[in-house]
Protein backbone atom coordinates (compact mmCIF):
# COMPACT_ATOMS: atom_id res chain seq x y z
CA UNK A 1 0.00 0.00 0.00
CA UNK A 2 1.14 3.52 -0.80
CA UNK A 3 0.34 6.47 1.46
CA UNK A 4 0.47 10.17 0.61
CA UNK A 5 1.31 12.54 3.47
CA UNK A 6 1.31 16.19 2.41
CA UNK A 7 3.19 15.81 -0.90
CA UNK A 8 5.44 12.96 0.27
CA UNK A 9 4.80 9.41 -0.92
CA UNK A 10 5.47 6.47 1.42
CA UNK A 11 5.41 2.68 1.24
CA UNK A 12 5.69 0.66 4.47
CA UNK A 13 7.31 3.57 6.31
CA UNK A 14 9.88 4.30 3.59
CA UNK A 15 9.69 7.47 1.52
CA UNK A 16 9.54 6.43 -2.14
CA UNK A 17 8.89 9.82 -3.73
CA UNK A 18 6.94 13.02 -3.79
CA UNK A 19 4.47 14.90 -5.97
CA UNK A 20 4.50 18.48 -7.20
CA UNK A 21 1.64 19.62 -9.41
CA UNK A 22 1.24 16.94 -12.08
CA UNK A 23 4.83 15.70 -11.75
CA UNK A 24 5.96 12.63 -9.79
CA UNK A 25 9.49 12.30 -8.36
CA UNK A 26 11.25 9.34 -6.77
CA UNK A 27 13.04 9.39 -3.40
CA UNK A 28 16.26 10.50 -5.13
CA UNK A 29 14.49 13.67 -6.32
CA UNK A 30 14.51 12.46 -9.94
CA UNK A 31 11.42 13.12 -12.03
CA UNK A 32 9.90 9.77 -13.02
CA UNK A 33 6.90 11.05 -14.95
CA UNK A 34 3.78 13.15 -15.07
CA UNK A 35 0.08 12.96 -15.85
CA UNK A 36 -2.76 14.97 -17.36
CA UNK A 37 -6.52 14.44 -17.58
CA UNK A 38 -6.21 11.61 -20.12
CA UNK A 39 -2.77 9.98 -19.88
CA UNK A 40 0.19 9.07 -17.67
CA UNK A 41 3.70 9.54 -19.11
CA UNK A 42 7.13 8.38 -18.04
CA UNK A 43 10.01 10.87 -17.77
CA UNK A 44 10.83 10.50 -21.49
CA UNK A 45 7.27 11.47 -22.44
CA UNK A 46 6.22 7.94 -23.46
CA UNK A 47 2.58 7.20 -22.64
CA UNK A 48 2.42 4.35 -20.09
CA UNK A 49 -1.21 4.57 -18.99
CA UNK A 50 -4.54 6.14 -19.72
CA UNK A 51 -7.95 6.81 -18.21
CA UNK A 52 -11.01 5.21 -19.75
CA UNK A 53 -14.18 6.18 -17.95
CA UNK A 54 -13.78 5.11 -14.32
CA UNK A 55 -10.75 2.92 -15.08
CA UNK A 56 -6.98 3.22 -15.13
CA UNK A 57 -5.38 1.09 -17.85
CA UNK A 58 -1.70 0.55 -18.47
CA UNK A 59 -0.43 0.71 -22.05
CA UNK A 60 1.13 -2.76 -21.75
CA UNK A 61 -2.24 -4.25 -20.76
CA UNK A 62 -0.96 -5.60 -17.43
CA UNK A 63 -3.17 -3.37 -15.29
CA UNK A 64 -6.84 -2.44 -15.42
CA UNK A 65 -8.31 -1.11 -12.20
CA UNK A 66 -11.28 0.99 -11.21
CA UNK A 67 -10.16 4.40 -9.99
CA UNK A 68 -12.32 3.91 -6.90
CA UNK A 69 -10.47 0.67 -6.06
CA UNK A 70 -7.14 2.39 -6.61
CA UNK A 71 -8.00 4.74 -3.72
CA UNK A 72 -7.61 1.74 -1.41
CA UNK A 73 -4.12 1.11 -2.80
CA UNK A 74 -2.95 4.75 -2.77
CA UNK A 75 -4.33 6.40 0.37
CA UNK A 76 -4.03 9.71 2.18
CA UNK A 77 -3.73 13.26 0.99
CA UNK A 78 -6.27 15.20 -1.01
CA UNK A 79 -5.02 14.30 -4.49
CA UNK A 80 -7.22 13.40 -7.44
CA UNK A 81 -7.84 9.88 -8.69
CA UNK A 82 -5.61 10.70 -11.67
CA UNK A 83 -2.73 11.67 -9.38
CA UNK A 84 -3.16 8.46 -7.38
CA UNK A 85 -3.18 6.40 -10.57
CA UNK A 86 0.00 8.10 -11.82
CA UNK A 87 1.73 7.42 -8.51
CA UNK A 88 0.80 3.75 -8.74
CA UNK A 89 2.04 3.34 -12.29
CA UNK A 90 5.20 5.40 -11.90
CA UNK A 91 6.35 4.22 -8.46
CA UNK A 92 5.02 0.66 -8.56
CA UNK A 93 2.68 -1.36 -6.45
PDB file of N, CA and C in Angstrom:
ATOM      1  N   UNK A   1       0.838  -1.181   0.000  1.00  0.00           N
ATOM      2  CA  UNK A   1       0.000   0.000   0.000  1.00  0.00           C
ATOM      3  C   UNK A   1       0.883   1.245   0.000  1.00  0.00           C
ATOM      4  N   UNK A   2       0.435   2.241  -0.702  1.00  0.00           N
ATOM      5  CA  UNK A   2       1.141   3.520  -0.798  1.00  0.00           C
ATOM      6  C   UNK A   2       0.326   4.568  -0.048  1.00  0.00           C
ATOM      7  N   UNK A   3       1.016   5.423   0.697  1.00  0.00           N
ATOM      8  CA  UNK A   3       0.343   6.473   1.464  1.00  0.00           C
ATOM      9  C   UNK A   3       0.945   7.828   1.098  1.00  0.00           C
ATOM     10  N   UNK A   4       0.056   8.795   0.881  1.00  0.00           N
ATOM     11  CA  UNK A   4       0.467  10.169   0.610  1.00  0.00           C
ATOM     12  C   UNK A   4       0.295  10.971   1.898  1.00  0.00           C
ATOM     13  N   UNK A   5       1.346  11.668   2.300  1.00  0.00           N
ATOM     14  CA  UNK A   5       1.306  12.536   3.475  1.00  0.00           C
ATOM     15  C   UNK A   5       1.858  13.882   3.035  1.00  0.00           C
ATOM     16  N   UNK A   6       0.972  14.893   2.992  1.00  0.00           N
ATOM     17  CA  UNK A   6       1.308  16.193   2.414  1.00  0.00           C
ATOM     18  C   UNK A   6       1.638  15.940   0.948  1.00  0.00           C
ATOM     19  N   UNK A   7       2.851  16.150   0.493  1.00  0.00           N
ATOM     20  CA  UNK A   7       3.185  15.806  -0.896  1.00  0.00           C
ATOM     21  C   UNK A   7       4.228  14.689  -0.949  1.00  0.00           C
ATOM     22  N   UNK A   8       4.477  14.059   0.191  1.00  0.00           N
ATOM     23  CA  UNK A   8       5.442  12.965   0.273  1.00  0.00           C
ATOM     24  C   UNK A   8       4.715  11.636   0.067  1.00  0.00           C
ATOM     25  N   UNK A   9       5.392  10.698  -0.599  1.00  0.00           N
ATOM     26  CA  UNK A   9       4.795   9.408  -0.920  1.00  0.00           C
ATOM     27  C   UNK A   9       5.580   8.320  -0.188  1.00  0.00           C
ATOM     28  N   UNK A  10       4.855   7.473   0.554  1.00  0.00           N
ATOM     29  CA  UNK A  10       5.470   6.467   1.420  1.00  0.00           C
ATOM     30  C   UNK A  10       4.956   5.067   1.094  1.00  0.00           C
ATOM     31  N   UNK A  11       5.803   4.075   1.296  1.00  0.00           N
ATOM     32  CA  UNK A  11       5.408   2.676   1.237  1.00  0.00           C
ATOM     33  C   UNK A  11       6.043   1.972   2.425  1.00  0.00           C
ATOM     34  N   UNK A  12       5.220   1.394   3.289  1.00  0.00           N
ATOM     35  CA  UNK A  12       5.687   0.659   4.467  1.00  0.00           C
ATOM     36  C   UNK A  12       6.726   1.441   5.271  1.00  0.00           C
ATOM     37  N   UNK A  13       6.449   2.729   5.498  1.00  0.00           N
ATOM     38  CA  UNK A  13       7.310   3.569   6.311  1.00  0.00           C
ATOM     39  C   UNK A  13       8.530   4.128   5.613  1.00  0.00           C
ATOM     40  N   UNK A  14       8.727   3.804   4.348  1.00  0.00           N
ATOM     41  CA  UNK A  14       9.878   4.300   3.592  1.00  0.00           C
ATOM     42  C   UNK A  14       9.411   5.300   2.539  1.00  0.00           C
ATOM     43  N   UNK A  15      10.046   6.460   2.520  1.00  0.00           N
ATOM     44  CA  UNK A  15       9.692   7.467   1.523  1.00  0.00           C
ATOM     45  C   UNK A  15      10.156   6.987   0.148  1.00  0.00           C
ATOM     46  N   UNK A  16       9.204   6.895  -0.787  1.00  0.00           N
ATOM     47  CA  UNK A  16       9.539   6.434  -2.135  1.00  0.00           C
ATOM     48  C   UNK A  16       9.458   7.541  -3.176  1.00  0.00           C
ATOM     49  N   UNK A  17       8.970   8.721  -2.769  1.00  0.00           N
ATOM     50  CA  UNK A  17       8.892   9.821  -3.725  1.00  0.00           C
ATOM     51  C   UNK A  17       8.077  10.977  -3.202  1.00  0.00           C
ATOM     52  N   UNK A  18       7.760  11.865  -4.129  1.00  0.00           N
ATOM     53  CA  UNK A  18       6.944  13.023  -3.790  1.00  0.00           C
ATOM     54  C   UNK A  18       6.266  13.527  -5.053  1.00  0.00           C
ATOM     55  N   UNK A  19       5.265  14.376  -4.862  1.00  0.00           N
ATOM     56  CA  UNK A  19       4.473  14.899  -5.970  1.00  0.00           C
ATOM     57  C   UNK A  19       4.469  16.416  -5.915  1.00  0.00           C
ATOM     58  N   UNK A  20       4.565  17.020  -7.085  1.00  0.00           N
ATOM     59  CA  UNK A  20       4.498  18.477  -7.204  1.00  0.00           C
ATOM     60  C   UNK A  20       3.692  18.786  -8.462  1.00  0.00           C
ATOM     61  N   UNK A  21       2.516  19.373  -8.263  1.00  0.00           N
ATOM     62  CA  UNK A  21       1.644  19.622  -9.411  1.00  0.00           C
ATOM     63  C   UNK A  21       1.262  18.302 -10.062  1.00  0.00           C
ATOM     64  N   UNK A  22       1.542  18.177 -11.343  1.00  0.00           N
ATOM     65  CA  UNK A  22       1.241  16.944 -12.082  1.00  0.00           C
ATOM     66  C   UNK A  22       2.491  16.102 -12.303  1.00  0.00           C
ATOM     67  N   UNK A  23       3.555  16.418 -11.591  1.00  0.00           N
ATOM     68  CA  UNK A  23       4.827  15.700 -11.751  1.00  0.00           C
ATOM     69  C   UNK A  23       5.105  14.807 -10.548  1.00  0.00           C
ATOM     70  N   UNK A  24       5.641  13.603 -10.825  1.00  0.00           N
ATOM     71  CA  UNK A  24       5.955  12.632  -9.786  1.00  0.00           C
ATOM     72  C   UNK A  24       7.474  12.446  -9.762  1.00  0.00           C
ATOM     73  N   UNK A  25       8.046  12.458  -8.560  1.00  0.00           N
ATOM     74  CA  UNK A  25       9.492  12.297  -8.364  1.00  0.00           C
ATOM     75  C   UNK A  25       9.745  11.082  -7.479  1.00  0.00           C
ATOM     76  N   UNK A  26      10.895  10.444  -7.648  1.00  0.00           N
ATOM     77  CA  UNK A  26      11.250   9.337  -6.768  1.00  0.00           C
ATOM     78  C   UNK A  26      11.966   9.876  -5.529  1.00  0.00           C
ATOM     79  N   UNK A  27      12.400   8.978  -4.654  1.00  0.00           N
ATOM     80  CA  UNK A  27      13.038   9.385  -3.398  1.00  0.00           C
ATOM     81  C   UNK A  27      14.390  10.048  -3.617  1.00  0.00           C
ATOM     82  N   UNK A  28      14.980   9.859  -4.788  1.00  0.00           N
ATOM     83  CA  UNK A  28      16.256  10.500  -5.126  1.00  0.00           C
ATOM     84  C   UNK A  28      16.068  11.853  -5.799  1.00  0.00           C
ATOM     85  N   UNK A  29      14.852  12.373  -5.738  1.00  0.00           N
ATOM     86  CA  UNK A  29      14.486  13.675  -6.322  1.00  0.00           C
ATOM     87  C   UNK A  29      14.604  13.699  -7.841  1.00  0.00           C
ATOM     88  N   UNK A  30      14.477  12.544  -8.474  1.00  0.00           N
ATOM     89  CA  UNK A  30      14.506  12.461  -9.942  1.00  0.00           C
ATOM     90  C   UNK A  30      13.070  12.366 -10.449  1.00  0.00           C
ATOM     91  N   UNK A  31      12.753  13.179 -11.441  1.00  0.00           N
ATOM     92  CA  UNK A  31      11.421  13.121 -12.028  1.00  0.00           C
ATOM     93  C   UNK A  31      11.251  11.771 -12.719  1.00  0.00           C
ATOM     94  N   UNK A  32      10.161  11.059 -12.395  1.00  0.00           N
ATOM     95  CA  UNK A  32       9.904   9.767 -13.023  1.00  0.00           C
ATOM     96  C   UNK A  32       8.766   9.837 -14.027  1.00  0.00           C
ATOM     97  N   UNK A  33       7.973  10.898 -13.977  1.00  0.00           N
ATOM     98  CA  UNK A  33       6.900  11.048 -14.948  1.00  0.00           C
ATOM     99  C   UNK A  33       5.909  12.112 -14.544  1.00  0.00           C
ATOM    100  N   UNK A  34       4.807  12.142 -15.292  1.00  0.00           N
ATOM    101  CA  UNK A  34       3.776  13.147 -15.072  1.00  0.00           C
ATOM    102  C   UNK A  34       2.462  12.641 -15.646  1.00  0.00           C
ATOM    103  N   UNK A  35       1.393  13.364 -15.383  1.00  0.00           N
ATOM    104  CA  UNK A  35       0.077  12.956 -15.855  1.00  0.00           C
ATOM    105  C   UNK A  35      -0.729  14.178 -16.260  1.00  0.00           C
ATOM    106  N   UNK A  36      -1.780  13.929 -17.047  1.00  0.00           N
ATOM    107  CA  UNK A  36      -2.758  14.968 -17.361  1.00  0.00           C
ATOM    108  C   UNK A  36      -4.141  14.344 -17.216  1.00  0.00           C
ATOM    109  N   UNK A  37      -5.159  14.953 -17.768  1.00  0.00           N
ATOM    110  CA  UNK A  37      -6.518  14.445 -17.580  1.00  0.00           C
ATOM    111  C   UNK A  37      -6.796  13.155 -18.336  1.00  0.00           C
ATOM    112  N   UNK A  38      -5.953  12.798 -19.298  1.00  0.00           N
ATOM    113  CA  UNK A  38      -6.215  11.614 -20.120  1.00  0.00           C
ATOM    114  C   UNK A  38      -5.145  10.535 -20.029  1.00  0.00           C
ATOM    115  N   UNK A  39      -3.878  10.929 -19.777  1.00  0.00           N
ATOM    116  CA  UNK A  39      -2.768   9.981 -19.881  1.00  0.00           C
ATOM    117  C   UNK A  39      -1.767  10.121 -18.733  1.00  0.00           C
ATOM    118  N   UNK A  40      -0.955   9.064 -18.574  1.00  0.00           N
ATOM    119  CA  UNK A  40       0.193   9.071 -17.672  1.00  0.00           C
ATOM    120  C   UNK A  40       1.426   8.816 -18.524  1.00  0.00           C
ATOM    121  N   UNK A  41       2.482   9.606 -18.307  1.00  0.00           N
ATOM    122  CA  UNK A  41       3.700   9.538 -19.113  1.00  0.00           C
ATOM    123  C   UNK A  41       4.905   9.254 -18.226  1.00  0.00           C
ATOM    124  N   UNK A  42       5.874   8.524 -18.770  1.00  0.00           N
ATOM    125  CA  UNK A  42       7.135   8.377 -18.041  1.00  0.00           C
ATOM    126  C   UNK A  42       7.983   9.617 -18.281  1.00  0.00           C
ATOM    127  N   UNK A  43       9.169   9.663 -17.717  1.00  0.00           N
ATOM    128  CA  UNK A  43      10.007  10.865 -17.774  1.00  0.00           C
ATOM    129  C   UNK A  43      10.415  11.215 -19.205  1.00  0.00           C
ATOM    130  N   UNK A  44      10.460  10.232 -20.095  1.00  0.00           N
ATOM    131  CA  UNK A  44      10.832  10.499 -21.487  1.00  0.00           C
ATOM    132  C   UNK A  44       9.650  10.977 -22.328  1.00  0.00           C
ATOM    133  N   UNK A  45       8.453  11.017 -21.723  1.00  0.00           N
ATOM    134  CA  UNK A  45       7.269  11.466 -22.444  1.00  0.00           C
ATOM    135  C   UNK A  45       6.500  10.333 -23.110  1.00  0.00           C
ATOM    136  N   UNK A  46       6.907   9.097 -22.888  1.00  0.00           N
ATOM    137  CA  UNK A  46       6.219   7.940 -23.458  1.00  0.00           C
ATOM    138  C   UNK A  46       4.964   7.659 -22.637  1.00  0.00           C
ATOM    139  N   UNK A  47       3.840   7.475 -23.314  1.00  0.00           N
ATOM    140  CA  UNK A  47       2.578   7.203 -22.643  1.00  0.00           C
ATOM    141  C   UNK A  47       2.624   5.786 -22.051  1.00  0.00           C
ATOM    142  N   UNK A  48       2.387   5.667 -20.730  1.00  0.00           N
ATOM    143  CA  UNK A  48       2.420   4.350 -20.085  1.00  0.00           C
ATOM    144  C   UNK A  48       1.061   3.950 -19.516  1.00  0.00           C
ATOM    145  N   UNK A  49       0.113   4.875 -19.500  1.00  0.00           N
ATOM    146  CA  UNK A  49      -1.212   4.566 -18.985  1.00  0.00           C
ATOM    147  C   UNK A  49      -2.222   5.594 -19.449  1.00  0.00           C
ATOM    148  N   UNK A  50      -3.488   5.223 -19.307  1.00  0.00           N
ATOM    149  CA  UNK A  50      -4.544   6.142 -19.719  1.00  0.00           C
ATOM    150  C   UNK A  50      -5.789   5.899 -18.890  1.00  0.00           C
ATOM    151  N   UNK A  51      -6.697   6.866 -18.941  1.00  0.00           N
ATOM    152  CA  UNK A  51      -7.947   6.807 -18.209  1.00  0.00           C
ATOM    153  C   UNK A  51      -9.071   6.558 -19.202  1.00  0.00           C
ATOM    154  N   UNK A  52      -9.871   5.552 -18.907  1.00  0.00           N
ATOM    155  CA  UNK A  52     -11.015   5.206 -19.751  1.00  0.00           C
ATOM    156  C   UNK A  52     -12.232   5.107 -18.846  1.00  0.00           C
ATOM    157  N   UNK A  53     -13.049   6.134 -18.871  1.00  0.00           N
ATOM    158  CA  UNK A  53     -14.185   6.179 -17.952  1.00  0.00           C
ATOM    159  C   UNK A  53     -13.693   6.182 -16.517  1.00  0.00           C
ATOM    160  N   UNK A  54     -14.158   5.216 -15.730  1.00  0.00           N
ATOM    161  CA  UNK A  54     -13.776   5.112 -14.321  1.00  0.00           C
ATOM    162  C   UNK A  54     -12.611   4.153 -14.110  1.00  0.00           C
ATOM    163  N   UNK A  55     -11.836   3.895 -15.167  1.00  0.00           N
ATOM    164  CA  UNK A  55     -10.751   2.922 -15.084  1.00  0.00           C
ATOM    165  C   UNK A  55      -9.395   3.531 -15.426  1.00  0.00           C
ATOM    166  N   UNK A  56      -8.375   2.988 -14.774  1.00  0.00           N
ATOM    167  CA  UNK A  56      -6.980   3.221 -15.129  1.00  0.00           C
ATOM    168  C   UNK A  56      -6.533   1.996 -15.906  1.00  0.00           C
ATOM    169  N   UNK A  57      -5.899   2.200 -17.046  1.00  0.00           N
ATOM    170  CA  UNK A  57      -5.381   1.093 -17.847  1.00  0.00           C
ATOM    171  C   UNK A  57      -3.935   1.384 -18.211  1.00  0.00           C
ATOM    172  N   UNK A  58      -3.093   0.376 -18.068  1.00  0.00           N
ATOM    173  CA  UNK A  58      -1.696   0.546 -18.472  1.00  0.00           C
ATOM    174  C   UNK A  58      -1.585   0.257 -19.961  1.00  0.00           C
ATOM    175  N   UNK A  59      -0.649   0.903 -20.618  1.00  0.00           N
ATOM    176  CA  UNK A  59      -0.431   0.707 -22.048  1.00  0.00           C
ATOM    177  C   UNK A  59      -0.037  -0.723 -22.383  1.00  0.00           C
ATOM    178  N   UNK A  60       0.675  -1.388 -21.477  1.00  0.00           N
ATOM    179  CA  UNK A  60       1.126  -2.755 -21.753  1.00  0.00           C
ATOM    180  C   UNK A  60       0.032  -3.789 -21.490  1.00  0.00           C
ATOM    181  N   UNK A  61      -1.120  -3.357 -20.997  1.00  0.00           N
ATOM    182  CA  UNK A  61      -2.236  -4.255 -20.764  1.00  0.00           C
ATOM    183  C   UNK A  61      -2.148  -5.063 -19.481  1.00  0.00           C
ATOM    184  N   UNK A  62      -1.136  -4.828 -18.667  1.00  0.00           N
ATOM    185  CA  UNK A  62      -0.960  -5.597 -17.435  1.00  0.00           C
ATOM    186  C   UNK A  62      -1.805  -5.102 -16.272  1.00  0.00           C
ATOM    187  N   UNK A  63      -2.400  -3.928 -16.399  1.00  0.00           N
ATOM    188  CA  UNK A  63      -3.175  -3.371 -15.289  1.00  0.00           C
ATOM    189  C   UNK A  63      -4.438  -2.718 -15.803  1.00  0.00           C
ATOM    190  N   UNK A  64      -5.561  -3.118 -15.248  1.00  0.00           N
ATOM    191  CA  UNK A  64      -6.835  -2.445 -15.422  1.00  0.00           C
ATOM    192  C   UNK A  64      -7.483  -2.414 -14.049  1.00  0.00           C
ATOM    193  N   UNK A  65      -7.747  -1.224 -13.546  1.00  0.00           N
ATOM    194  CA  UNK A  65      -8.307  -1.107 -12.197  1.00  0.00           C
ATOM    195  C   UNK A  65      -9.268   0.072 -12.159  1.00  0.00           C
ATOM    196  N   UNK A  66     -10.350  -0.121 -11.418  1.00  0.00           N
ATOM    197  CA  UNK A  66     -11.285   0.986 -11.214  1.00  0.00           C
ATOM    198  C   UNK A  66     -10.584   2.051 -10.380  1.00  0.00           C
ATOM    199  N   UNK A  67     -10.775   3.305 -10.730  1.00  0.00           N
ATOM    200  CA  UNK A  67     -10.156   4.396  -9.987  1.00  0.00           C
ATOM    201  C   UNK A  67     -10.591   4.370  -8.525  1.00  0.00           C
ATOM    202  N   UNK A  68     -11.825   4.002  -8.270  1.00  0.00           N
ATOM    203  CA  UNK A  68     -12.322   3.909  -6.898  1.00  0.00           C
ATOM    204  C   UNK A  68     -11.537   2.850  -6.104  1.00  0.00           C
ATOM    205  N   UNK A  69     -11.253   1.719  -6.721  1.00  0.00           N
ATOM    206  CA  UNK A  69     -10.474   0.670  -6.059  1.00  0.00           C
ATOM    207  C   UNK A  69      -9.030   1.111  -5.832  1.00  0.00           C
ATOM    208  N   UNK A  70      -8.510   1.911  -6.745  1.00  0.00           N
ATOM    209  CA  UNK A  70      -7.137   2.392  -6.611  1.00  0.00           C
ATOM    210  C   UNK A  70      -6.967   3.270  -5.372  1.00  0.00           C
ATOM    211  N   UNK A  71      -8.049   3.922  -4.932  1.00  0.00           N
ATOM    212  CA  UNK A  71      -7.999   4.745  -3.723  1.00  0.00           C
ATOM    213  C   UNK A  71      -7.653   3.914  -2.489  1.00  0.00           C
ATOM    214  N   UNK A  72      -7.964   2.624  -2.523  1.00  0.00           N
ATOM    215  CA  UNK A  72      -7.613   1.736  -1.412  1.00  0.00           C
ATOM    216  C   UNK A  72      -6.135   1.369  -1.456  1.00  0.00           C
ATOM    217  N   UNK A  73      -5.534   1.443  -2.630  1.00  0.00           N
ATOM    218  CA  UNK A  73      -4.116   1.105  -2.797  1.00  0.00           C
ATOM    219  C   UNK A  73      -3.223   2.323  -2.546  1.00  0.00           C
ATOM    220  N   UNK A  74      -3.690   3.495  -2.954  1.00  0.00           N
ATOM    221  CA  UNK A  74      -2.952   4.751  -2.767  1.00  0.00           C
ATOM    222  C   UNK A  74      -3.820   5.648  -1.891  1.00  0.00           C
ATOM    223  N   UNK A  75      -3.481   5.725  -0.604  1.00  0.00           N
ATOM    224  CA  UNK A  75      -4.330   6.401   0.373  1.00  0.00           C
ATOM    225  C   UNK A  75      -3.708   7.717   0.840  1.00  0.00           C
ATOM    226  N   UNK A  76      -4.505   8.474   1.571  1.00  0.00           N
ATOM    227  CA  UNK A  76      -4.030   9.710   2.182  1.00  0.00           C
ATOM    228  C   UNK A  76      -4.052  10.890   1.235  1.00  0.00           C
ATOM    229  N   UNK A  77      -3.800  12.036   1.789  1.00  0.00           N
ATOM    230  CA  UNK A  77      -3.732  13.258   0.989  1.00  0.00           C
ATOM    231  C   UNK A  77      -5.060  13.618   0.350  1.00  0.00           C
ATOM    232  N   UNK A  78      -5.051  14.725  -0.349  1.00  0.00           N
ATOM    233  CA  UNK A  78      -6.270  15.205  -1.009  1.00  0.00           C
ATOM    234  C   UNK A  78      -6.074  15.260  -2.522  1.00  0.00           C
ATOM    235  N   UNK A  79      -5.322  14.319  -3.056  1.00  0.00           N
ATOM    236  CA  UNK A  79      -5.023  14.301  -4.490  1.00  0.00           C
ATOM    237  C   UNK A  79      -6.123  13.610  -5.277  1.00  0.00           C
ATOM    238  N   UNK A  80      -6.200  13.944  -6.552  1.00  0.00           N
ATOM    239  CA  UNK A  80      -7.216  13.395  -7.444  1.00  0.00           C
ATOM    240  C   UNK A  80      -6.972  11.914  -7.728  1.00  0.00           C
ATOM    241  N   UNK A  81      -7.988  11.264  -8.265  1.00  0.00           N
ATOM    242  CA  UNK A  81      -7.838   9.875  -8.687  1.00  0.00           C
ATOM    243  C   UNK A  81      -6.764   9.741  -9.761  1.00  0.00           C
ATOM    244  N   UNK A  82      -6.633  10.732 -10.623  1.00  0.00           N
ATOM    245  CA  UNK A  82      -5.608  10.698 -11.669  1.00  0.00           C
ATOM    246  C   UNK A  82      -4.209  10.770 -11.064  1.00  0.00           C
ATOM    247  N   UNK A  83      -4.026  11.588 -10.054  1.00  0.00           N
ATOM    248  CA  UNK A  83      -2.726  11.672  -9.378  1.00  0.00           C
ATOM    249  C   UNK A  83      -2.395  10.342  -8.709  1.00  0.00           C
ATOM    250  N   UNK A  84      -3.368   9.747  -8.045  1.00  0.00           N
ATOM    251  CA  UNK A  84      -3.162   8.460  -7.377  1.00  0.00           C
ATOM    252  C   UNK A  84      -2.803   7.367  -8.384  1.00  0.00           C
ATOM    253  N   UNK A  85      -3.463   7.381  -9.525  1.00  0.00           N
ATOM    254  CA  UNK A  85      -3.178   6.397 -10.570  1.00  0.00           C
ATOM    255  C   UNK A  85      -1.761   6.578 -11.106  1.00  0.00           C
ATOM    256  N   UNK A  86      -1.358   7.828 -11.318  1.00  0.00           N
ATOM    257  CA  UNK A  86      -0.005   8.104 -11.824  1.00  0.00           C
ATOM    258  C   UNK A  86       1.039   7.634 -10.812  1.00  0.00           C
ATOM    259  N   UNK A  87       0.797   7.881  -9.551  1.00  0.00           N
ATOM    260  CA  UNK A  87       1.730   7.422  -8.512  1.00  0.00           C
ATOM    261  C   UNK A  87       1.867   5.910  -8.564  1.00  0.00           C
ATOM    262  N   UNK A  88       0.749   5.223  -8.692  1.00  0.00           N
ATOM    263  CA  UNK A  88       0.803   3.754  -8.736  1.00  0.00           C
ATOM    264  C   UNK A  88       1.585   3.244  -9.935  1.00  0.00           C
ATOM    265  N   UNK A  89       1.342   3.806 -11.100  1.00  0.00           N
ATOM    266  CA  UNK A  89       2.042   3.341 -12.289  1.00  0.00           C
ATOM    267  C   UNK A  89       3.520   3.718 -12.282  1.00  0.00           C
ATOM    268  N   UNK A  90       3.824   4.919 -11.821  1.00  0.00           N
ATOM    269  CA  UNK A  90       5.202   5.402 -11.904  1.00  0.00           C
ATOM    270  C   UNK A  90       6.103   4.901 -10.773  1.00  0.00           C
ATOM    271  N   UNK A  91       5.527   4.648  -9.598  1.00  0.00           N
ATOM    272  CA  UNK A  91       6.346   4.217  -8.459  1.00  0.00           C
ATOM    273  C   UNK A  91       6.096   2.762  -8.071  1.00  0.00           C
ATOM    274  N   UNK A  92       5.243   2.093  -8.796  1.00  0.00           N
ATOM    275  CA  UNK A  92       5.020   0.665  -8.559  1.00  0.00           C
ATOM    276  C   UNK A  92       4.011   0.374  -7.497  1.00  0.00           C
ATOM    277  N   UNK A  93       3.691  -0.889  -7.395  1.00  0.00           N
ATOM    278  CA  UNK A  93       2.677  -1.359  -6.455  1.00  0.00           C
ATOM    279  C   UNK A  93       3.264  -1.313  -5.113  1.00  0.00           C
TER     280      UNK A  93
END
